[in-house]
C-alpha atoms as a PDB file:
ATOM      1  CA  UNK A   1      23.803  -8.445  23.989  1.00  0.00           C
ATOM      2  CA  UNK A   2      25.299 -12.272  23.381  1.00  0.00           C
ATOM      3  CA  UNK A   3      22.504 -14.611  23.410  1.00  0.00           C
ATOM      4  CA  UNK A   4      19.658 -12.111  23.040  1.00  0.00           C
ATOM      5  CA  UNK A   5      17.083 -13.575  20.615  1.00  0.00           C
ATOM      6  CA  UNK A   6      15.447 -11.902  17.611  1.00  0.00           C
ATOM      7  CA  UNK A   7      12.030 -12.524  18.225  1.00  0.00           C
ATOM      8  CA  UNK A   8       9.377 -11.829  15.372  1.00  0.00           C
ATOM      9  CA  UNK A   9       5.646 -11.518  16.171  1.00  0.00           C
ATOM     10  CA  UNK A  10       3.020 -11.150  13.780  1.00  0.00           C
ATOM     11  CA  UNK A  11      -0.513  -9.131  15.593  1.00  0.00           C
ATOM     12  CA  UNK A  12      -2.200 -10.300  11.880  1.00  0.00           C
ATOM     13  CA  UNK A  13      -1.993 -10.830   8.140  1.00  0.00           C
ATOM     14  CA  UNK A  14      -0.728 -14.408   8.738  1.00  0.00           C
ATOM     15  CA  UNK A  15      -3.050 -16.908   6.836  1.00  0.00           C
ATOM     16  CA  UNK A  16      -5.567 -14.566   6.007  1.00  0.00           C
ATOM     17  CA  UNK A  17      -6.514 -11.617   3.680  1.00  0.00           C
ATOM     18  CA  UNK A  18      -5.766  -7.836   5.487  1.00  0.00           C
ATOM     19  CA  UNK A  19      -4.885  -6.964   8.954  1.00  0.00           C
ATOM     20  CA  UNK A  20      -0.934  -7.253   8.324  1.00  0.00           C
ATOM     21  CA  UNK A  21       0.964  -5.932  11.247  1.00  0.00           C
ATOM     22  CA  UNK A  22       4.112  -7.420  12.303  1.00  0.00           C
ATOM     23  CA  UNK A  23       6.934  -6.696  14.854  1.00  0.00           C
ATOM     24  CA  UNK A  24      10.518  -7.153  15.497  1.00  0.00           C
ATOM     25  CA  UNK A  25      12.134  -7.259  18.615  1.00  0.00           C
ATOM     26  CA  UNK A  26      15.600  -7.249  20.230  1.00  0.00           C
ATOM     27  CA  UNK A  27      16.418  -6.331  23.762  1.00  0.00           C
ATOM     28  CA  UNK A  28      14.948  -3.269  24.461  1.00  0.00           C
ATOM     29  CA  UNK A  29      13.882  -2.267  20.673  1.00  0.00           C
ATOM     30  CA  UNK A  30      11.356  -2.889  18.913  1.00  0.00           C
ATOM     31  CA  UNK A  31       9.861  -1.806  15.021  1.00  0.00           C
ATOM     32  CA  UNK A  32       6.758  -2.516  13.263  1.00  0.00           C
ATOM     33  CA  UNK A  33       5.768  -2.881   9.693  1.00  0.00           C
ATOM     34  CA  UNK A  34       2.340  -1.978   8.768  1.00  0.00           C
ATOM     35  CA  UNK A  35      -0.569  -1.390  10.212  1.00  0.00           C
ATOM     36  CA  UNK A  36      -3.095  -2.775   8.233  1.00  0.00           C
ATOM     37  CA  UNK A  37      -7.051  -3.787   8.444  1.00  0.00           C
ATOM     38  CA  UNK A  38      -8.886  -5.974   7.274  1.00  0.00           C
ATOM     39  CA  UNK A  39     -12.671  -6.725   6.135  1.00  0.00           C
ATOM     40  CA  UNK A  40     -14.661  -8.641   8.267  1.00  0.00           C
ATOM     41  CA  UNK A  41     -15.981 -11.831   7.108  1.00  0.00           C
ATOM     42  CA  UNK A  42     -19.805 -12.927   6.500  1.00  0.00           C
ATOM     43  CA  UNK A  43     -20.428 -14.237   9.818  1.00  0.00           C
ATOM     44  CA  UNK A  44     -18.606 -10.986  11.991  1.00  0.00           C
ATOM     45  CA  UNK A  45     -22.268  -9.692  12.162  1.00  0.00           C
ATOM     46  CA  UNK A  46     -22.021  -6.104  13.383  1.00  0.00           C
ATOM     47  CA  UNK A  47     -18.273  -5.734  12.679  1.00  0.00           C
ATOM     48  CA  UNK A  48     -17.225  -2.555  10.019  1.00  0.00           C
ATOM     49  CA  UNK A  49     -13.279  -3.703  10.424  1.00  0.00           C
ATOM     50  CA  UNK A  50     -10.977  -5.990  11.857  1.00  0.00           C
ATOM     51  CA  UNK A  51      -7.471  -4.550  13.250  1.00  0.00           C
ATOM     52  CA  UNK A  52      -4.738  -6.738  14.546  1.00  0.00           C
ATOM     53  CA  UNK A  53      -4.365  -7.433  18.170  1.00  0.00           C
ATOM     54  CA  UNK A  54      -2.581  -4.544  19.600  1.00  0.00           C
ATOM     55  CA  UNK A  55      -1.852  -6.644  22.864  1.00  0.00           C
ATOM     56  CA  UNK A  56       1.922  -7.495  23.085  1.00  0.00           C
ATOM     57  CA  UNK A  57       2.621  -3.807  22.185  1.00  0.00           C
ATOM     58  CA  UNK A  58       0.369  -2.432  24.510  1.00  0.00           C
ATOM     59  CA  UNK A  59       2.344  -4.201  27.440  1.00  0.00           C
ATOM     60  CA  UNK A  60       5.866  -3.673  25.444  1.00  0.00           C
ATOM     61  CA  UNK A  61       5.188   0.261  23.918  1.00  0.00           C
ATOM     62  CA  UNK A  62       8.669   1.418  25.711  1.00  0.00           C
ATOM     63  CA  UNK A  63      10.323  -0.171  23.282  1.00  0.00           C
ATOM     64  CA  UNK A  64       9.186   0.959  20.108  1.00  0.00           C
ATOM     65  CA  UNK A  65      11.224   3.058  17.754  1.00  0.00           C
ATOM     66  CA  UNK A  66       9.402   3.460  14.659  1.00  0.00           C
ATOM     67  CA  UNK A  67       6.680   2.077  12.123  1.00  0.00           C
ATOM     68  CA  UNK A  68       7.391   1.294   8.373  1.00  0.00           C
ATOM     69  CA  UNK A  69       4.909   1.271   6.416  1.00  0.00           C
ATOM     70  CA  UNK A  70       5.533  -1.005   2.573  1.00  0.00           C
ATOM     71  CA  UNK A  71       2.710   0.551   0.473  1.00  0.00           C
ATOM     72  CA  UNK A  72      -0.693   2.717   0.982  1.00  0.00           C
ATOM     73  CA  UNK A  73      -3.162  -0.248   0.152  1.00  0.00           C
ATOM     74  CA  UNK A  74      -5.715  -0.566   2.890  1.00  0.00           C
ATOM     75  CA  UNK A  75      -4.710  -4.286   4.530  1.00  0.00           C
ATOM     76  CA  UNK A  76      -0.687  -2.787   5.325  1.00  0.00           C
ATOM     77  CA  UNK A  77      -1.889   0.974   6.217  1.00  0.00           C
ATOM     78  CA  UNK A  78      -5.827   1.161   7.034  1.00  0.00           C
ATOM     79  CA  UNK A  79      -5.623   0.524  11.293  1.00  0.00           C
ATOM     80  CA  UNK A  80      -3.534   3.493  11.323  1.00  0.00           C
ATOM     81  CA  UNK A  81      -5.515   6.143  12.760  1.00  0.00           C
ATOM     82  CA  UNK A  82      -6.648   3.672  15.607  1.00  0.00           C
ATOM     83  CA  UNK A  83      -3.070   2.560  15.784  1.00  0.00           C
ATOM     84  CA  UNK A  84      -2.321   6.452  16.465  1.00  0.00           C
ATOM     85  CA  UNK A  85      -4.839   6.518  19.048  1.00  0.00           C
ATOM     86  CA  UNK A  86      -2.765   4.248  21.372  1.00  0.00           C
ATOM     87  CA  UNK A  87       0.882   4.732  20.438  1.00  0.00           C
ATOM     88  CA  UNK A  88       3.007   7.446  19.810  1.00  0.00           C
ATOM     89  CA  UNK A  89       6.218   6.764  16.846  1.00  0.00           C
ATOM     90  CA  UNK A  90       7.903   7.749  13.710  1.00  0.00           C
ATOM     91  CA  UNK A  91       6.126   6.304  10.798  1.00  0.00           C
ATOM     92  CA  UNK A  92       8.674   5.736   7.814  1.00  0.00           C
ATOM     93  CA  UNK A  93       6.985   5.309   4.072  1.00  0.00           C
ATOM     94  CA  UNK A  94       7.281   6.387   0.475  1.00  0.00           C
ATOM     95  CA  UNK A  95       6.306   9.488  -1.035  1.00  0.00           C
ATOM     96  CA  UNK A  96       2.344   8.041  -2.047  1.00  0.00           C
ATOM     97  CA  UNK A  97       2.241   6.228   0.994  1.00  0.00           C
ATOM     98  CA  UNK A  98       2.616   9.190   2.595  1.00  0.00           C
ATOM     99  CA  UNK A  99       0.374  11.302   0.638  1.00  0.00           C
ATOM    100  CA  UNK A 100      -2.648   8.296   1.241  1.00  0.00           C
ATOM    101  CA  UNK A 101      -1.867   7.989   4.987  1.00  0.00           C
ATOM    102  CA  UNK A 102      -2.152  11.916   5.264  1.00  0.00           C
ATOM    103  CA  UNK A 103      -5.360  12.121   3.499  1.00  0.00           C
ATOM    104  CA  UNK A 104      -6.706   8.840   5.969  1.00  0.00           C
ATOM    105  CA  UNK A 105      -5.490  10.782   8.958  1.00  0.00           C
ATOM    106  CA  UNK A 106      -7.098  13.623   8.040  1.00  0.00           C
ATOM    107  CA  UNK A 107     -10.230  12.253   8.229  1.00  0.00           C
ATOM    108  CA  UNK A 108      -9.431  10.873  11.439  1.00  0.00           C
ATOM    109  CA  UNK A 109      -8.007  14.304  12.749  1.00  0.00           C
ATOM    110  CA  UNK A 110      -5.165  12.609  13.666  1.00  0.00           C
ATOM    111  CA  UNK A 111      -2.574  14.205  11.021  1.00  0.00           C
ATOM    112  CA  UNK A 112      -1.369  16.735  13.767  1.00  0.00           C
ATOM    113  CA  UNK A 113      -0.638  13.703  16.219  1.00  0.00           C
ATOM    114  CA  UNK A 114       1.389  11.843  13.481  1.00  0.00           C
ATOM    115  CA  UNK A 115       5.321  12.350  12.819  1.00  0.00           C
ATOM    116  CA  UNK A 116       5.645  11.472   9.271  1.00  0.00           C
ATOM    117  CA  UNK A 117       8.654  10.690   7.265  1.00  0.00           C
ATOM    118  CA  UNK A 118       9.200  10.077   3.667  1.00  0.00           C
ATOM    119  CA  UNK A 119      12.002   8.778   2.514  1.00  0.00           C
ATOM    120  CA  UNK A 120      13.324   7.347  -0.502  1.00  0.00           C
ATOM    121  CA  UNK A 121      14.186   3.624  -1.920  1.00  0.00           C
ATOM    122  CA  UNK A 122      18.105   3.227  -0.857  1.00  0.00           C
ATOM    123  CA  UNK A 123      17.777   4.822   2.088  1.00  0.00           C
ATOM    124  CA  UNK A 124      18.452   3.781   5.242  1.00  0.00           C
ATOM    125  CA  UNK A 125      16.697   4.741   8.700  1.00  0.00           C
ATOM    126  CA  UNK A 126      18.250   4.167  12.169  1.00  0.00           C
ATOM    127  CA  UNK A 127      15.030   2.654  14.420  1.00  0.00           C
ATOM    128  CA  UNK A 128      17.146   1.449  17.973  1.00  0.00           C
ATOM    129  CA  UNK A 129      19.376  -1.145  17.369  1.00  0.00           C
ATOM    130  CA  UNK A 130      17.818  -2.068  13.767  1.00  0.00           C
ATOM    131  CA  UNK A 131      19.130  -0.082  10.274  1.00  0.00           C
ATOM    132  CA  UNK A 132      15.997  -0.117   7.746  1.00  0.00           C
ATOM    133  CA  UNK A 133      16.214   0.244   4.127  1.00  0.00           C
ATOM    134  CA  UNK A 134      13.795   0.678   1.807  1.00  0.00           C
ATOM    135  CA  UNK A 135      14.148  -1.178  -2.201  1.00  0.00           C
ATOM    136  CA  UNK A 136      11.503  -0.678  -5.037  1.00  0.00           C
ATOM    137  CA  UNK A 137       9.164  -3.861  -5.610  1.00  0.00           C
ATOM    138  CA  UNK A 138       6.429  -4.286  -8.482  1.00  0.00           C
ATOM    139  CA  UNK A 139       3.413  -4.565  -7.092  1.00  0.00           C
ATOM    140  CA  UNK A 140      -0.464  -2.660  -7.665  1.00  0.00           C
ATOM    141  CA  UNK A 141       0.114   0.758  -6.275  1.00  0.00           C
ATOM    142  CA  UNK A 142       3.210   3.066  -7.322  1.00  0.00           C
ATOM    143  CA  UNK A 143       5.624   3.563  -4.182  1.00  0.00           C
ATOM    144  CA  UNK A 144       5.579   0.057  -2.882  1.00  0.00           C
ATOM    145  CA  UNK A 145       8.352  -1.235  -1.273  1.00  0.00           C
ATOM    146  CA  UNK A 146      10.270  -3.962   1.078  1.00  0.00           C
ATOM    147  CA  UNK A 147      12.294  -3.957   3.597  1.00  0.00           C
ATOM    148  CA  UNK A 148      16.557  -5.188   3.891  1.00  0.00           C
ATOM    149  CA  UNK A 149      16.538  -4.290   8.188  1.00  0.00           C
ATOM    150  CA  UNK A 150      19.596  -5.158   9.408  1.00  0.00           C
ATOM    151  CA  UNK A 151      19.807  -6.837  13.088  1.00  0.00           C
ATOM    152  CA  UNK A 152      22.732  -7.673  15.052  1.00  0.00           C
ATOM    153  CA  UNK A 153      22.156 -10.751  14.182  1.00  0.00           C
ATOM    154  CA  UNK A 154      21.897 -10.170  10.168  1.00  0.00           C
ATOM    155  CA  UNK A 155      19.597  -9.166   7.567  1.00  0.00           C
ATOM    156  CA  UNK A 156      16.092 -10.093   7.772  1.00  0.00           C
ATOM    157  CA  UNK A 157      14.020  -9.117   4.651  1.00  0.00           C
ATOM    158  CA  UNK A 158      10.680  -8.197   4.753  1.00  0.00           C
ATOM    159  CA  UNK A 159       8.798  -7.987   0.492  1.00  0.00           C
ATOM    160  CA  UNK A 160       6.012  -6.362   1.960  1.00  0.00           C
ATOM    161  CA  UNK A 161       3.021  -7.358  -1.356  1.00  0.00           C
ATOM    162  CA  UNK A 162       5.690  -8.165  -4.447  1.00  0.00           C
ATOM    163  CA  UNK A 163       5.382  -9.432  -7.918  1.00  0.00           C
ATOM    164  CA  UNK A 164       7.780 -10.196 -10.748  1.00  0.00           C
ATOM    165  CA  UNK A 165       6.061  -8.796 -13.328  1.00  0.00           C
ATOM    166  CA  UNK A 166       8.303  -6.939 -16.248  1.00  0.00           C
ATOM    167  CA  UNK A 167       5.603  -5.018 -17.631  1.00  0.00           C
ATOM    168  CA  UNK A 168       3.973  -3.613 -14.566  1.00  0.00           C
ATOM    169  CA  UNK A 169       1.797  -0.237 -14.888  1.00  0.00           C
ATOM    170  CA  UNK A 170       3.800   2.538 -13.770  1.00  0.00           C
ATOM    171  CA  UNK A 171       6.953   1.002 -14.579  1.00  0.00           C
ATOM    172  CA  UNK A 172       8.511   0.111 -10.797  1.00  0.00           C
ATOM    173  CA  UNK A 173      10.211  -2.915 -10.890  1.00  0.00           C
ATOM    174  CA  UNK A 174      11.203  -5.428  -8.347  1.00  0.00           C
ATOM    175  CA  UNK A 175      14.605  -4.901  -7.189  1.00  0.00           C
ATOM    176  CA  UNK A 176      16.076  -8.169  -7.927  1.00  0.00           C
ATOM    177  CA  UNK A 177      19.778  -6.666  -8.528  1.00  0.00           C
ATOM    178  CA  UNK A 178      19.238  -5.471  -4.514  1.00  0.00           C
ATOM    179  CA  UNK A 179      17.683  -8.891  -3.887  1.00  0.00           C
ATOM    180  CA  UNK A 180      21.062 -10.257  -5.118  1.00  0.00           C
ATOM    181  CA  UNK A 181      23.407  -8.309  -3.396  1.00  0.00           C
ATOM    182  CA  UNK A 182      21.856  -9.273   0.128  1.00  0.00           C
ATOM    183  CA  UNK A 183      21.518 -12.710  -0.860  1.00  0.00           C
ATOM    184  CA  UNK A 184      24.939 -12.740  -1.302  1.00  0.00           C
ATOM    185  CA  UNK A 185      26.352 -10.974   2.039  1.00  0.00           C
ATOM    186  CA  UNK A 186      23.911 -13.404   3.884  1.00  0.00           C
ATOM    187  CA  UNK A 187      20.151 -13.185   4.887  1.00  0.00           C
ATOM    188  CA  UNK A 188      19.134 -14.460   8.058  1.00  0.00           C
ATOM    189  CA  UNK A 189      15.385 -14.490   7.745  1.00  0.00           C
ATOM    190  CA  UNK A 190      13.213 -14.315   4.343  1.00  0.00           C
ATOM    191  CA  UNK A 191       9.961 -13.016   4.759  1.00  0.00           C
ATOM    192  CA  UNK A 192       7.741 -13.160   1.654  1.00  0.00           C
ATOM    193  CA  UNK A 193       4.540 -12.349   0.557  1.00  0.00           C
ATOM    194  CA  UNK A 194       3.034 -15.948   0.074  1.00  0.00           C
ATOM    195  CA  UNK A 195      -0.545 -14.745  -1.496  1.00  0.00           C
ATOM    196  CA  UNK A 196      -1.660 -17.466  -3.770  1.00  0.00           C
ATOM    197  CA  UNK A 197       1.600 -19.116  -3.752  1.00  0.00           C
ATOM    198  CA  UNK A 198      -0.246 -22.292  -3.481  1.00  0.00           C
ATOM    199  CA  UNK A 199      -2.088 -21.810  -7.063  1.00  0.00           C
ATOM    200  CA  UNK A 200      -0.171 -23.337 -10.317  1.00  0.00           C
ATOM    201  CA  UNK A 201       1.229 -21.251 -12.905  1.00  0.00           C
ATOM    202  CA  UNK A 202       2.440 -17.488 -12.937  1.00  0.00           C
ATOM    203  CA  UNK A 203       0.664 -14.052 -11.778  1.00  0.00           C
ATOM    204  CA  UNK A 204      -0.859 -12.367 -14.856  1.00  0.00           C
ATOM    205  CA  UNK A 205       0.935  -8.592 -15.563  1.00  0.00           C
ATOM    206  CA  UNK A 206      -1.104  -5.300 -14.409  1.00  0.00           C
ATOM    207  CA  UNK A 207      -1.159  -4.680 -18.446  1.00  0.00           C
ATOM    208  CA  UNK A 208      -3.519  -7.369 -18.695  1.00  0.00           C
ATOM    209  CA  UNK A 209      -5.897  -5.272 -16.986  1.00  0.00           C
ATOM    210  CA  UNK A 210      -5.782  -2.399 -18.495  1.00  0.00           C
ATOM    211  CA  UNK A 211      -5.947  -3.775 -21.826  1.00  0.00           C
ATOM    212  CA  UNK A 212      -8.747  -5.181 -20.591  1.00  0.00           C
ATOM    213  CA  UNK A 213     -10.280  -1.633 -19.334  1.00  0.00           C
ATOM    214  CA  UNK A 214     -10.129  -0.299 -23.130  1.00  0.00           C
ATOM    215  CA  UNK A 215     -11.793  -3.357 -24.475  1.00  0.00           C
ATOM    216  CA  UNK A 216     -14.608  -2.837 -22.191  1.00  0.00           C
ATOM    217  CA  UNK A 217     -14.662   1.083 -22.413  1.00  0.00           C
ATOM    218  CA  UNK A 218     -14.287   0.491 -26.281  1.00  0.00           C
ATOM    219  CA  UNK A 219     -17.424  -1.800 -27.008  1.00  0.00           C
ATOM    220  CA  UNK A 220     -19.643  -0.821 -24.262  1.00  0.00           C
ATOM    221  CA  UNK A 221     -22.436   1.749 -25.826  1.00  0.00           C
ATOM    222  CA  UNK A 222     -23.183   3.334 -22.305  1.00  0.00           C
ATOM    223  CA  UNK A 223     -22.034   4.000 -19.225  1.00  0.00           C
ATOM    224  CA  UNK A 224     -19.514   2.503 -17.544  1.00  0.00           C
ATOM    225  CA  UNK A 225     -19.046   2.342 -13.810  1.00  0.00           C
ATOM    226  CA  UNK A 226     -15.383   1.262 -11.806  1.00  0.00           C
ATOM    227  CA  UNK A 227     -15.630   0.071  -8.720  1.00  0.00           C
ATOM    228  CA  UNK A 228     -12.213  -0.149  -7.059  1.00  0.00           C
ATOM    229  CA  UNK A 229     -10.533   1.230  -3.854  1.00  0.00           C
ATOM    230  CA  UNK A 230      -9.625   4.082  -3.382  1.00  0.00           C
ATOM    231  CA  UNK A 231      -6.014   3.727  -3.108  1.00  0.00           C
ATOM    232  CA  UNK A 232      -5.140   1.094  -5.841  1.00  0.00           C
ATOM    233  CA  UNK A 233      -3.832   4.798  -7.875  1.00  0.00           C
ATOM    234  CA  UNK A 234      -2.369   2.764 -10.623  1.00  0.00           C
ATOM    235  CA  UNK A 235      -5.923   1.038 -11.213  1.00  0.00           C
ATOM    236  CA  UNK A 236      -7.539   4.367 -11.750  1.00  0.00           C
ATOM    237  CA  UNK A 237      -4.515   5.328 -13.590  1.00  0.00           C
ATOM    238  CA  UNK A 238      -5.291   2.269 -15.943  1.00  0.00           C
ATOM    239  CA  UNK A 239      -8.879   3.760 -16.273  1.00  0.00           C
ATOM    240  CA  UNK A 240      -7.865   7.336 -17.164  1.00  0.00           C
ATOM    241  CA  UNK A 241      -5.785   6.089 -19.874  1.00  0.00           C
ATOM    242  CA  UNK A 242      -8.924   3.958 -21.601  1.00  0.00           C
ATOM    243  CA  UNK A 243     -11.164   6.841 -21.492  1.00  0.00           C
ATOM    244  CA  UNK A 244      -8.675   9.010 -23.002  1.00  0.00           C
ATOM    245  CA  UNK A 245      -8.258   6.087 -25.797  1.00  0.00           C
ATOM    246  CA  UNK A 246     -11.566   5.821 -26.424  1.00  0.00           C
ATOM    247  CA  UNK A 247     -12.659   9.427 -26.081  1.00  0.00           C
ATOM    248  CA  UNK A 248     -14.879   9.336 -22.345  1.00  0.00           C
ATOM    249  CA  UNK A 249     -15.028  11.179 -19.908  1.00  0.00           C
ATOM    250  CA  UNK A 250     -14.151  10.043 -16.409  1.00  0.00           C
ATOM    251  CA  UNK A 251     -16.209  11.203 -13.391  1.00  0.00           C
ATOM    252  CA  UNK A 252     -14.717  10.409  -9.826  1.00  0.00           C
ATOM    253  CA  UNK A 253     -17.215  10.408  -6.804  1.00  0.00           C
ATOM    254  CA  UNK A 254     -16.808   8.978  -3.196  1.00  0.00           C
ATOM    255  CA  UNK A 255     -15.135  10.884  -0.567  1.00  0.00           C
ATOM    256  CA  UNK A 256     -11.884   9.163  -0.226  1.00  0.00           C
ATOM    257  CA  UNK A 257     -12.077   8.292  -4.104  1.00  0.00           C
ATOM    258  CA  UNK A 258     -11.513  11.998  -4.456  1.00  0.00           C
ATOM    259  CA  UNK A 259      -9.379  12.478  -1.966  1.00  0.00           C
ATOM    260  CA  UNK A 260      -7.257  10.388  -2.887  1.00  0.00           C
ATOM    261  CA  UNK A 261      -7.363  11.447  -7.038  1.00  0.00           C
ATOM    262  CA  UNK A 262      -6.884  14.898  -6.034  1.00  0.00           C
ATOM    263  CA  UNK A 263      -3.792  13.936  -3.661  1.00  0.00           C
ATOM    264  CA  UNK A 264      -1.920  11.695  -6.473  1.00  0.00           C
ATOM    265  CA  UNK A 265      -2.617  14.283  -9.075  1.00  0.00           C
ATOM    266  CA  UNK A 266      -1.193  16.955  -7.093  1.00  0.00           C
ATOM    267  CA  UNK A 267       1.924  14.917  -5.995  1.00  0.00           C
ATOM    268  CA  UNK A 268       2.207  13.944  -9.143  1.00  0.00           C
ATOM    269  CA  UNK A 269       1.477  10.519  -9.987  1.00  0.00           C
ATOM    270  CA  UNK A 270      -1.758  10.712 -11.639  1.00  0.00           C
ATOM    271  CA  UNK A 271      -1.958  11.928 -15.051  1.00  0.00           C
ATOM    272  CA  UNK A 272      -4.998  12.992 -17.283  1.00  0.00           C
ATOM    273  CA  UNK A 273      -4.789  15.609 -20.244  1.00  0.00           C
ATOM    274  CA  UNK A 274      -7.020  18.800 -19.305  1.00  0.00           C
ATOM    275  CA  UNK A 275     -11.221  18.277 -18.958  1.00  0.00           C
ATOM    276  CA  UNK A 276     -10.947  14.477 -19.082  1.00  0.00           C
ATOM    277  CA  UNK A 277     -12.557  14.334 -15.252  1.00  0.00           C
ATOM    278  CA  UNK A 278     -15.184  16.109 -14.981  1.00  0.00           C
ATOM    279  CA  UNK A 279     -17.597  17.711 -12.080  1.00  0.00           C
ATOM    280  CA  UNK A 280     -21.056  16.623 -11.688  1.00  0.00           C
ATOM    281  CA  UNK A 281     -22.372  19.452 -13.764  1.00  0.00           C
ATOM    282  CA  UNK A 282     -21.072  18.247 -17.229  1.00  0.00           C
ATOM    283  CA  UNK A 283     -21.122  14.987 -16.194  1.00  0.00           C
ATOM    284  CA  UNK A 284     -25.142  14.933 -16.456  1.00  0.00           C
ATOM    285  CA  UNK A 285     -24.302  17.041 -19.375  1.00  0.00           C
ATOM    286  CA  UNK A 286     -22.273  14.123 -20.809  1.00  0.00           C
ATOM    287  CA  UNK A 287     -24.437  11.109 -23.303  1.00  0.00           C
ATOM    288  CA  UNK A 288     -24.060   7.832 -21.254  1.00  0.00           C
ATOM    289  CA  UNK A 289     -21.582   6.380 -24.650  1.00  0.00           C
ATOM    290  CA  UNK A 290     -18.965   9.185 -23.684  1.00  0.00           C
ATOM    291  CA  UNK A 291     -18.400   8.777 -19.531  1.00  0.00           C
ATOM    292  CA  UNK A 292     -16.976   6.201 -17.191  1.00  0.00           C
ATOM    293  CA  UNK A 293     -17.173   6.368 -13.481  1.00  0.00           C
ATOM    294  CA  UNK A 294     -14.795   5.680 -11.036  1.00  0.00           C
ATOM    295  CA  UNK A 295     -16.427   4.868  -7.414  1.00  0.00           C
ATOM    296  CA  UNK A 296     -15.292   3.242  -4.445  1.00  0.00           C
END
């Protein structure tokens, strides 16, 4: 296939925060990376969610070989239910990401339709002409990964969302050794997360967030309510750790938050001593000074 170009086709997520989705196309093969959603801007009246533009993929759906998900945040997986209503392809992700999308697809009654596959960092997946390897990156959610995509023209590296955090919340570091190996081998193209790259300085460690939460819980006399995304599992762990350190009980509310916390505990991504997470009756019986509420 001499002279065949490698096409990089963004369907969303460039120059904006959200609806991340990118296609790589070579000859008769296409792979998709992430299928995220975006929350509407203030002037988008009547719009609940914004999803990637699937127009190009509709015209070339016969070429689609697989979908690869870098991590479980909404801006990278939130549009998957809408995607799967139109397209059929195997979906590959790490263990926690798989758990999060299973909760989402069950809510949309699409779980039986999806072909979901769990992969480990370092594992190689063949998808048409492409060979795709997951490598770990530090991010504000466990099991986040970047992708090394081997193409006939050379390796392409897609970082997903990442940071160089030496004190990550759940001890997952960006694999700089693997990146160095690919750099020495020769990288055709680097597709790197550049959020806030134009801002001087450094991104603070996630550990600082946990310290701030503990200070708030320790120094607030009344009930503390923390609102966060239901997929932000590491933040939930930080809240649980702060509650344990300050002697507070934790009440979880919001359907997606309840479902994701239950899933993450079952898979071992959230840890809390028995009795820390309480039900609604114990929540009402707990003094305000001894309670923290996690909600969406």
